[in-house]
């Protein structure tokens, strides 16, 4: 019997994931949450199962991982904007000396 109770306040997102790994983690968590919700619906009201806590913990973990995906996209946008700005500056300088 599994005695480890997941709690939302103890969840953390792994560091240093690639964009693909983040997306895979989100998909896996969605699947787990879906299965647990189905179990909640199939469990009697007086059951001692803690599916609700487990679902809440997985949803919190999913939220933290989704934030990492957003941060990665924001970071990529910043680098792309910087590169675009440098390319424009380079073109302007080249046009000045033509």
C-alpha atoms as a PDB file:
ATOM      1  CA  UNK A   1       0.000   0.000   0.000  1.00  0.00           C
ATOM      2  CA  UNK A   2       1.319   3.410  -0.925  1.00  0.00           C
ATOM      3  CA  UNK A   3       1.464   5.579   2.200  1.00  0.00           C
ATOM      4  CA  UNK A   4       3.032   8.617   0.539  1.00  0.00           C
ATOM      5  CA  UNK A   5       0.474  11.389   0.299  1.00  0.00           C
ATOM      6  CA  UNK A   6       1.117  14.003  -2.341  1.00  0.00           C
ATOM      7  CA  UNK A   7       0.337  17.543  -1.282  1.00  0.00           C
ATOM      8  CA  UNK A   8       0.145  20.596  -3.576  1.00  0.00           C
ATOM      9  CA  UNK A   9       2.460  22.653  -1.371  1.00  0.00           C
ATOM     10  CA  UNK A  10       5.230  20.053  -1.746  1.00  0.00           C
ATOM     11  CA  UNK A  11       5.207  19.978  -5.539  1.00  0.00           C
ATOM     12  CA  UNK A  12       8.092  21.279  -7.599  1.00  0.00           C
ATOM     13  CA  UNK A  13       8.926  21.306 -11.277  1.00  0.00           C
ATOM     14  CA  UNK A  14      12.147  19.715 -12.499  1.00  0.00           C
ATOM     15  CA  UNK A  15      14.843  22.091 -13.706  1.00  0.00           C
ATOM     16  CA  UNK A  16      16.707  22.049 -17.010  1.00  0.00           C
ATOM     17  CA  UNK A  17      14.052  20.441 -19.201  1.00  0.00           C
ATOM     18  CA  UNK A  18      13.967  20.984 -22.927  1.00  0.00           C
ATOM     19  CA  UNK A  19      10.833  22.316 -24.556  1.00  0.00           C
ATOM     20  CA  UNK A  20       9.988  18.805 -25.799  1.00  0.00           C
ATOM     21  CA  UNK A  21      10.507  17.283 -22.343  1.00  0.00           C
ATOM     22  CA  UNK A  22       8.284  19.946 -20.811  1.00  0.00           C
ATOM     23  CA  UNK A  23       5.532  19.209 -23.317  1.00  0.00           C
ATOM     24  CA  UNK A  24       5.878  15.453 -22.689  1.00  0.00           C
ATOM     25  CA  UNK A  25       5.627  16.027 -18.918  1.00  0.00           C
ATOM     26  CA  UNK A  26       2.499  18.124 -19.360  1.00  0.00           C
ATOM     27  CA  UNK A  27       0.895  15.416 -21.499  1.00  0.00           C
ATOM     28  CA  UNK A  28       1.764  12.704 -18.951  1.00  0.00           C
ATOM     29  CA  UNK A  29       0.369  14.764 -16.087  1.00  0.00           C
ATOM     30  CA  UNK A  30      -2.847  15.406 -18.037  1.00  0.00           C
ATOM     31  CA  UNK A  31      -3.234  11.648 -18.516  1.00  0.00           C
ATOM     32  CA  UNK A  32      -2.620  10.904 -14.829  1.00  0.00           C
ATOM     33  CA  UNK A  33      -5.085  13.569 -13.742  1.00  0.00           C
ATOM     34  CA  UNK A  34      -7.711  12.169 -16.129  1.00  0.00           C
ATOM     35  CA  UNK A  35      -7.248   8.638 -14.719  1.00  0.00           C
ATOM     36  CA  UNK A  36      -7.496   9.873 -11.137  1.00  0.00           C
ATOM     37  CA  UNK A  37     -10.671  11.823 -11.883  1.00  0.00           C
ATOM     38  CA  UNK A  38     -12.186   8.649 -13.332  1.00  0.00           C
ATOM     39  CA  UNK A  39     -11.214   6.776 -10.149  1.00  0.00           C
ATOM     40  CA  UNK A  40     -12.835   9.478  -8.018  1.00  0.00           C
ATOM     41  CA  UNK A  41     -16.077   9.016  -9.908  1.00  0.00           C
ATOM     42  CA  UNK A  42     -15.899   5.229  -9.453  1.00  0.00           C
ATOM     43  CA  UNK A  43     -15.097   5.341  -5.722  1.00  0.00           C
ATOM     44  CA  UNK A  44     -17.733   5.282  -3.011  1.00  0.00           C
ATOM     45  CA  UNK A  45     -18.254   8.364  -0.892  1.00  0.00           C
ATOM     46  CA  UNK A  46     -17.028   6.707   2.343  1.00  0.00           C
ATOM     47  CA  UNK A  47     -13.763   5.521   0.801  1.00  0.00           C
ATOM     48  CA  UNK A  48     -10.475   6.476   2.434  1.00  0.00           C
ATOM     49  CA  UNK A  49      -8.737   7.058  -0.911  1.00  0.00           C
ATOM     50  CA  UNK A  50      -7.047  10.442  -1.288  1.00  0.00           C
ATOM     51  CA  UNK A  51      -7.593  10.904  -5.013  1.00  0.00           C
ATOM     52  CA  UNK A  52      -8.617  14.532  -4.546  1.00  0.00           C
ATOM     53  CA  UNK A  53      -5.336  15.396  -2.812  1.00  0.00           C
ATOM     54  CA  UNK A  54      -3.380  13.499  -5.441  1.00  0.00           C
ATOM     55  CA  UNK A  55      -5.214  15.327  -8.230  1.00  0.00           C
ATOM     56  CA  UNK A  56      -4.579  18.688  -6.563  1.00  0.00           C
ATOM     57  CA  UNK A  57      -0.878  17.870  -6.208  1.00  0.00           C
ATOM     58  CA  UNK A  58      -0.554  16.811  -9.852  1.00  0.00           C
ATOM     59  CA  UNK A  59      -2.419  19.909 -11.013  1.00  0.00           C
ATOM     60  CA  UNK A  60      -0.013  22.073  -8.996  1.00  0.00           C
ATOM     61  CA  UNK A  61       2.965  20.269 -10.543  1.00  0.00           C
ATOM     62  CA  UNK A  62       1.433  20.718 -13.996  1.00  0.00           C
ATOM     63  CA  UNK A  63       1.028  24.442 -13.316  1.00  0.00           C
ATOM     64  CA  UNK A  64       4.681  24.762 -12.272  1.00  0.00           C
ATOM     65  CA  UNK A  65       5.885  22.893 -15.361  1.00  0.00           C
ATOM     66  CA  UNK A  66       3.632  24.975 -17.622  1.00  0.00           C
ATOM     67  CA  UNK A  67       5.236  28.110 -16.154  1.00  0.00           C
ATOM     68  CA  UNK A  68       8.628  26.762 -17.196  1.00  0.00           C
ATOM     69  CA  UNK A  69       7.340  26.331 -20.739  1.00  0.00           C
ATOM     70  CA  UNK A  70       6.126  29.935 -20.760  1.00  0.00           C
ATOM     71  CA  UNK A  71       9.466  31.104 -19.347  1.00  0.00           C
ATOM     72  CA  UNK A  72      11.333  29.198 -22.065  1.00  0.00           C
ATOM     73  CA  UNK A  73       9.155  30.753 -24.766  1.00  0.00           C
ATOM     74  CA  UNK A  74       9.635  34.235 -23.279  1.00  0.00           C
ATOM     75  CA  UNK A  75      13.394  33.645 -23.140  1.00  0.00           C
ATOM     76  CA  UNK A  76      13.450  32.499 -26.776  1.00  0.00           C
ATOM     77  CA  UNK A  77      11.426  35.557 -27.787  1.00  0.00           C
ATOM     78  CA  UNK A  78      13.895  37.838 -26.013  1.00  0.00           C
ATOM     79  CA  UNK A  79      16.856  36.253 -27.811  1.00  0.00           C
ATOM     80  CA  UNK A  80      15.039  36.428 -31.149  1.00  0.00           C
ATOM     81  CA  UNK A  81      14.191  40.099 -30.569  1.00  0.00           C
ATOM     82  CA  UNK A  82      17.820  40.815 -29.646  1.00  0.00           C
ATOM     83  CA  UNK A  83      19.054  39.043 -32.784  1.00  0.00           C
ATOM     84  CA  UNK A  84      16.568  40.918 -34.954  1.00  0.00           C
ATOM     85  CA  UNK A  85      17.633  44.231 -33.419  1.00  0.00           C
ATOM     86  CA  UNK A  86      21.316  43.444 -34.004  1.00  0.00           C
ATOM     87  CA  UNK A  87      20.620  42.448 -37.613  1.00  0.00           C
ATOM     88  CA  UNK A  88      18.782  45.730 -38.202  1.00  0.00           C
ATOM     89  CA  UNK A  89      21.636  47.668 -36.599  1.00  0.00           C
ATOM     90  CA  UNK A  90      24.167  45.841 -38.793  1.00  0.00           C
ATOM     91  CA  UNK A  91      22.128  46.659 -41.918  1.00  0.00           C
ATOM     92  CA  UNK A  92      21.833  50.320 -40.901  1.00  0.00           C
ATOM     93  CA  UNK A  93      25.592  50.576 -40.359  1.00  0.00           C
ATOM     94  CA  UNK A  94      26.280  48.918 -43.726  1.00  0.00           C
ATOM     95  CA  UNK A  95      23.874  51.348 -45.417  1.00  0.00           C
ATOM     96  CA  UNK A  96      25.638  54.311 -43.815  1.00  0.00           C
ATOM     97  CA  UNK A  97      29.006  53.390 -45.329  1.00  0.00           C
ATOM     98  CA  UNK A  98      27.777  52.533 -48.837  1.00  0.00           C
END
